[in-house]
């Protein structure tokens, strides 16, 4: 596996904090569940409220008891560190920082990404490519154009912070 990242280091912003059953299932399969639980905590539940405090909806996590996929809370930057630490222990894994994906392509035999780096442009090949590059996804734009991609990008901004 070869992971490319536009940044020169792990993201230090807190961003997401709650990982519900579908995410926990995948994190358990990835072998990071124990480290995630040790660094985070399992809430009794979560709820959504209006700005004035009016209750809108909620989830009671206690009904899951000791289910291995029960929600865990941990800022995303700390989860990223756990995942990176596990990734570094994999002999076949490589992380390349400061790699900006500018184009992708494929043929019947392989896929490739064109990247810009501090050493110049490169083309990297693989059997397949997974794009996990967020809201401003160059991979998505390369596949579907600037406005024709499936899914939705929210107009609203969300602020996350540690308190």
C-alpha atoms as a PDB file:
ATOM      1  CA  UNK A   1       0.000   0.000   0.000  1.00  0.00           C
ATOM      2  CA  UNK A   2       1.228   3.474  -0.879  1.00  0.00           C
ATOM      3  CA  UNK A   3      -0.495   6.416   0.788  1.00  0.00           C
ATOM      4  CA  UNK A   4      -0.073   9.885  -0.755  1.00  0.00           C
ATOM      5  CA  UNK A   5      -0.761  13.021   1.267  1.00  0.00           C
ATOM      6  CA  UNK A   6      -0.813  16.639   0.147  1.00  0.00           C
ATOM      7  CA  UNK A   7       0.271  17.792   3.604  1.00  0.00           C
ATOM      8  CA  UNK A   8       3.733  17.432   5.078  1.00  0.00           C
ATOM      9  CA  UNK A   9       2.418  15.958   8.358  1.00  0.00           C
ATOM     10  CA  UNK A  10      -0.667  14.529  10.044  1.00  0.00           C
ATOM     11  CA  UNK A  11      -3.612  16.908  10.345  1.00  0.00           C
ATOM     12  CA  UNK A  12      -3.633  18.409  13.840  1.00  0.00           C
ATOM     13  CA  UNK A  13      -7.190  19.814  13.699  1.00  0.00           C
ATOM     14  CA  UNK A  14      -9.725  17.972  15.878  1.00  0.00           C
ATOM     15  CA  UNK A  15     -12.553  17.701  13.294  1.00  0.00           C
ATOM     16  CA  UNK A  16     -14.777  14.613  13.857  1.00  0.00           C
ATOM     17  CA  UNK A  17     -15.091  13.167  17.350  1.00  0.00           C
ATOM     18  CA  UNK A  18     -17.791  10.457  17.406  1.00  0.00           C
ATOM     19  CA  UNK A  19     -17.408   7.085  15.685  1.00  0.00           C
ATOM     20  CA  UNK A  20     -20.677   5.147  15.552  1.00  0.00           C
ATOM     21  CA  UNK A  21     -21.173   1.429  14.895  1.00  0.00           C
ATOM     22  CA  UNK A  22     -20.415   1.415  11.126  1.00  0.00           C
ATOM     23  CA  UNK A  23     -17.090   3.214  11.661  1.00  0.00           C
ATOM     24  CA  UNK A  24     -16.274   1.157  14.743  1.00  0.00           C
ATOM     25  CA  UNK A  25     -16.868  -2.051  12.783  1.00  0.00           C
ATOM     26  CA  UNK A  26     -14.230  -0.973  10.238  1.00  0.00           C
ATOM     27  CA  UNK A  27     -11.825   0.307  12.902  1.00  0.00           C
ATOM     28  CA  UNK A  28     -12.135  -3.035  14.711  1.00  0.00           C
ATOM     29  CA  UNK A  29     -11.397  -4.877  11.452  1.00  0.00           C
ATOM     30  CA  UNK A  30      -8.340  -2.626  11.012  1.00  0.00           C
ATOM     31  CA  UNK A  31      -7.023  -3.789  14.393  1.00  0.00           C
ATOM     32  CA  UNK A  32      -7.045  -0.387  16.107  1.00  0.00           C
ATOM     33  CA  UNK A  33     -10.083  -0.806  18.383  1.00  0.00           C
ATOM     34  CA  UNK A  34      -8.193  -1.333  21.648  1.00  0.00           C
ATOM     35  CA  UNK A  35      -5.941   1.692  21.071  1.00  0.00           C
ATOM     36  CA  UNK A  36      -8.952   3.797  20.078  1.00  0.00           C
ATOM     37  CA  UNK A  37     -10.894   2.836  23.219  1.00  0.00           C
ATOM     38  CA  UNK A  38      -7.838   3.419  25.428  1.00  0.00           C
ATOM     39  CA  UNK A  39      -7.362   6.944  24.038  1.00  0.00           C
ATOM     40  CA  UNK A  40     -11.055   7.892  23.829  1.00  0.00           C
ATOM     41  CA  UNK A  41     -14.203   7.169  25.781  1.00  0.00           C
ATOM     42  CA  UNK A  42     -17.568   5.487  25.229  1.00  0.00           C
ATOM     43  CA  UNK A  43     -20.426   7.939  25.861  1.00  0.00           C
ATOM     44  CA  UNK A  44     -23.811   6.918  27.195  1.00  0.00           C
ATOM     45  CA  UNK A  45     -25.303   8.655  24.165  1.00  0.00           C
ATOM     46  CA  UNK A  46     -25.341  11.696  21.940  1.00  0.00           C
ATOM     47  CA  UNK A  47     -28.010  14.210  21.034  1.00  0.00           C
ATOM     48  CA  UNK A  48     -28.626  17.109  18.699  1.00  0.00           C
ATOM     49  CA  UNK A  49     -30.049  20.388  19.918  1.00  0.00           C
ATOM     50  CA  UNK A  50     -31.034  23.744  18.528  1.00  0.00           C
ATOM     51  CA  UNK A  51     -28.900  26.741  19.484  1.00  0.00           C
ATOM     52  CA  UNK A  52     -31.377  27.572  22.256  1.00  0.00           C
ATOM     53  CA  UNK A  53     -30.915  24.082  23.780  1.00  0.00           C
ATOM     54  CA  UNK A  54     -34.155  22.539  22.516  1.00  0.00           C
ATOM     55  CA  UNK A  55     -33.689  18.767  22.169  1.00  0.00           C
ATOM     56  CA  UNK A  56     -34.112  17.523  18.573  1.00  0.00           C
ATOM     57  CA  UNK A  57     -33.007  13.879  18.564  1.00  0.00           C
ATOM     58  CA  UNK A  58     -30.608  11.542  20.308  1.00  0.00           C
ATOM     59  CA  UNK A  59     -29.098   8.079  20.491  1.00  0.00           C
ATOM     60  CA  UNK A  60     -28.887   6.017  23.663  1.00  0.00           C
ATOM     61  CA  UNK A  61     -25.604   4.115  23.403  1.00  0.00           C
ATOM     62  CA  UNK A  62     -26.129   2.160  26.631  1.00  0.00           C
ATOM     63  CA  UNK A  63     -28.526  -0.206  24.818  1.00  0.00           C
ATOM     64  CA  UNK A  64     -25.432  -1.606  23.062  1.00  0.00           C
ATOM     65  CA  UNK A  65     -23.818  -2.606  26.366  1.00  0.00           C
ATOM     66  CA  UNK A  66     -20.383  -4.100  25.669  1.00  0.00           C
ATOM     67  CA  UNK A  67     -20.943  -4.511  21.921  1.00  0.00           C
ATOM     68  CA  UNK A  68     -17.523  -4.266  20.219  1.00  0.00           C
ATOM     69  CA  UNK A  69     -18.904  -1.720  17.756  1.00  0.00           C
ATOM     70  CA  UNK A  70     -20.265   0.654  20.420  1.00  0.00           C
ATOM     71  CA  UNK A  71     -19.588   4.340  19.751  1.00  0.00           C
ATOM     72  CA  UNK A  72     -16.268   5.828  20.845  1.00  0.00           C
ATOM     73  CA  UNK A  73     -15.396   9.531  21.107  1.00  0.00           C
ATOM     74  CA  UNK A  74     -11.935  10.802  20.213  1.00  0.00           C
ATOM     75  CA  UNK A  75     -10.869  13.834  18.166  1.00  0.00           C
ATOM     76  CA  UNK A  76      -9.972  12.870  14.601  1.00  0.00           C
ATOM     77  CA  UNK A  77      -6.410  14.156  14.904  1.00  0.00           C
ATOM     78  CA  UNK A  78      -5.789  11.665  17.725  1.00  0.00           C
ATOM     79  CA  UNK A  79      -7.418   8.852  15.733  1.00  0.00           C
ATOM     80  CA  UNK A  80      -5.163   9.812  12.811  1.00  0.00           C
ATOM     81  CA  UNK A  81      -2.095   9.362  15.022  1.00  0.00           C
ATOM     82  CA  UNK A  82      -3.295   5.906  16.099  1.00  0.00           C
ATOM     83  CA  UNK A  83      -3.922   4.870  12.496  1.00  0.00           C
ATOM     84  CA  UNK A  84      -0.548   6.265  11.382  1.00  0.00           C
ATOM     85  CA  UNK A  85       1.263   4.414  14.185  1.00  0.00           C
ATOM     86  CA  UNK A  86      -0.382   1.143  13.100  1.00  0.00           C
ATOM     87  CA  UNK A  87       0.351   1.854   9.430  1.00  0.00           C
ATOM     88  CA  UNK A  88       4.043   2.387  10.129  1.00  0.00           C
ATOM     89  CA  UNK A  89       4.238  -1.143  11.557  1.00  0.00           C
ATOM     90  CA  UNK A  90       3.144  -2.649   8.226  1.00  0.00           C
ATOM     91  CA  UNK A  91       6.182  -3.697   6.170  1.00  0.00           C
ATOM     92  CA  UNK A  92       4.399  -3.171   2.836  1.00  0.00           C
ATOM     93  CA  UNK A  93       3.071   0.322   3.660  1.00  0.00           C
ATOM     94  CA  UNK A  94       4.642   3.541   2.395  1.00  0.00           C
ATOM     95  CA  UNK A  95       3.570   7.107   3.169  1.00  0.00           C
ATOM     96  CA  UNK A  96       4.630   9.914   0.831  1.00  0.00           C
ATOM     97  CA  UNK A  97       4.085  13.433   2.208  1.00  0.00           C
ATOM     98  CA  UNK A  98       3.880  16.582   0.048  1.00  0.00           C
ATOM     99  CA  UNK A  99       2.356  14.679  -2.879  1.00  0.00           C
ATOM    100  CA  UNK A 100      -0.373  16.679  -4.631  1.00  0.00           C
ATOM    101  CA  UNK A 101      -2.561  14.534  -6.896  1.00  0.00           C
ATOM    102  CA  UNK A 102      -3.234  16.501 -10.096  1.00  0.00           C
ATOM    103  CA  UNK A 103      -4.710  13.785 -12.333  1.00  0.00           C
ATOM    104  CA  UNK A 104      -5.686  10.120 -12.373  1.00  0.00           C
ATOM    105  CA  UNK A 105      -6.177   7.542 -15.096  1.00  0.00           C
ATOM    106  CA  UNK A 106      -6.522   3.861 -15.832  1.00  0.00           C
ATOM    107  CA  UNK A 107      -6.437   1.274 -18.560  1.00  0.00           C
ATOM    108  CA  UNK A 108      -7.259  -2.445 -18.626  1.00  0.00           C
ATOM    109  CA  UNK A 109      -4.096  -3.342 -16.697  1.00  0.00           C
ATOM    110  CA  UNK A 110      -3.479  -0.616 -14.134  1.00  0.00           C
ATOM    111  CA  UNK A 111      -4.408   2.735 -12.646  1.00  0.00           C
ATOM    112  CA  UNK A 112      -2.154   5.731 -12.065  1.00  0.00           C
ATOM    113  CA  UNK A 113      -1.949   9.101 -10.379  1.00  0.00           C
ATOM    114  CA  UNK A 114       0.035  12.073 -11.540  1.00  0.00           C
ATOM    115  CA  UNK A 115       1.442  14.003  -8.593  1.00  0.00           C
ATOM    116  CA  UNK A 116       3.398  17.168  -8.009  1.00  0.00           C
ATOM    117  CA  UNK A 117       6.127  16.967  -5.368  1.00  0.00           C
ATOM    118  CA  UNK A 118       9.006  19.138  -4.217  1.00  0.00           C
ATOM    119  CA  UNK A 119      11.208  16.997  -6.509  1.00  0.00           C
ATOM    120  CA  UNK A 120       8.950  17.590  -9.532  1.00  0.00           C
ATOM    121  CA  UNK A 121       6.136  15.711 -11.256  1.00  0.00           C
ATOM    122  CA  UNK A 122       5.770  11.944 -10.940  1.00  0.00           C
ATOM    123  CA  UNK A 123       3.402   9.264 -12.169  1.00  0.00           C
ATOM    124  CA  UNK A 124       2.704   6.412  -9.759  1.00  0.00           C
ATOM    125  CA  UNK A 125       1.003   3.175 -10.851  1.00  0.00           C
ATOM    126  CA  UNK A 126      -1.012   0.573  -8.951  1.00  0.00           C
ATOM    127  CA  UNK A 127      -3.618  -2.145  -9.609  1.00  0.00           C
ATOM    128  CA  UNK A 128      -6.237   0.272  -8.244  1.00  0.00           C
ATOM    129  CA  UNK A 129      -6.503   3.657  -6.528  1.00  0.00           C
ATOM    130  CA  UNK A 130      -8.693   4.682  -3.609  1.00  0.00           C
ATOM    131  CA  UNK A 131      -9.393   8.410  -3.325  1.00  0.00           C
ATOM    132  CA  UNK A 132      -9.900   9.595   0.256  1.00  0.00           C
ATOM    133  CA  UNK A 133      -9.117  13.219  -0.324  1.00  0.00           C
ATOM    134  CA  UNK A 134     -12.132  14.933   1.187  1.00  0.00           C
ATOM    135  CA  UNK A 135     -14.448  17.718   0.159  1.00  0.00           C
ATOM    136  CA  UNK A 136     -12.041  19.247  -2.357  1.00  0.00           C
ATOM    137  CA  UNK A 137     -11.249  15.889  -3.921  1.00  0.00           C
ATOM    138  CA  UNK A 138      -9.027  16.015  -6.987  1.00  0.00           C
ATOM    139  CA  UNK A 139      -9.763  12.315  -7.500  1.00  0.00           C
ATOM    140  CA  UNK A 140     -13.512  13.007  -7.601  1.00  0.00           C
ATOM    141  CA  UNK A 141     -13.010  15.980  -9.948  1.00  0.00           C
ATOM    142  CA  UNK A 142     -10.831  13.864 -12.250  1.00  0.00           C
ATOM    143  CA  UNK A 143     -13.553  11.236 -12.452  1.00  0.00           C
ATOM    144  CA  UNK A 144     -16.662  13.424 -12.676  1.00  0.00           C
ATOM    145  CA  UNK A 145     -15.655  17.030 -13.402  1.00  0.00           C
ATOM    146  CA  UNK A 146     -15.988  20.009 -11.105  1.00  0.00           C
ATOM    147  CA  UNK A 147     -19.786  19.959 -10.729  1.00  0.00           C
ATOM    148  CA  UNK A 148     -20.990  16.611 -12.041  1.00  0.00           C
ATOM    149  CA  UNK A 149     -19.835  14.321  -9.238  1.00  0.00           C
ATOM    150  CA  UNK A 150     -22.362  12.211  -7.302  1.00  0.00           C
ATOM    151  CA  UNK A 151     -23.055  13.156  -3.723  1.00  0.00           C
ATOM    152  CA  UNK A 152     -23.401  16.502  -2.032  1.00  0.00           C
ATOM    153  CA  UNK A 153     -21.007  19.130  -0.788  1.00  0.00           C
ATOM    154  CA  UNK A 154     -22.640  21.190   1.959  1.00  0.00           C
ATOM    155  CA  UNK A 155     -22.770  24.950   1.564  1.00  0.00           C
ATOM    156  CA  UNK A 156     -22.697  25.417   5.341  1.00  0.00           C
ATOM    157  CA  UNK A 157     -19.455  25.565   7.289  1.00  0.00           C
ATOM    158  CA  UNK A 158     -19.039  23.476  10.427  1.00  0.00           C
ATOM    159  CA  UNK A 159     -16.656  24.446  13.182  1.00  0.00           C
ATOM    160  CA  UNK A 160     -15.085  21.795  15.410  1.00  0.00           C
ATOM    161  CA  UNK A 161     -12.818  22.502  18.332  1.00  0.00           C
ATOM    162  CA  UNK A 162     -11.485  20.921  21.484  1.00  0.00           C
ATOM    163  CA  UNK A 163     -13.058  22.237  24.691  1.00  0.00           C
END
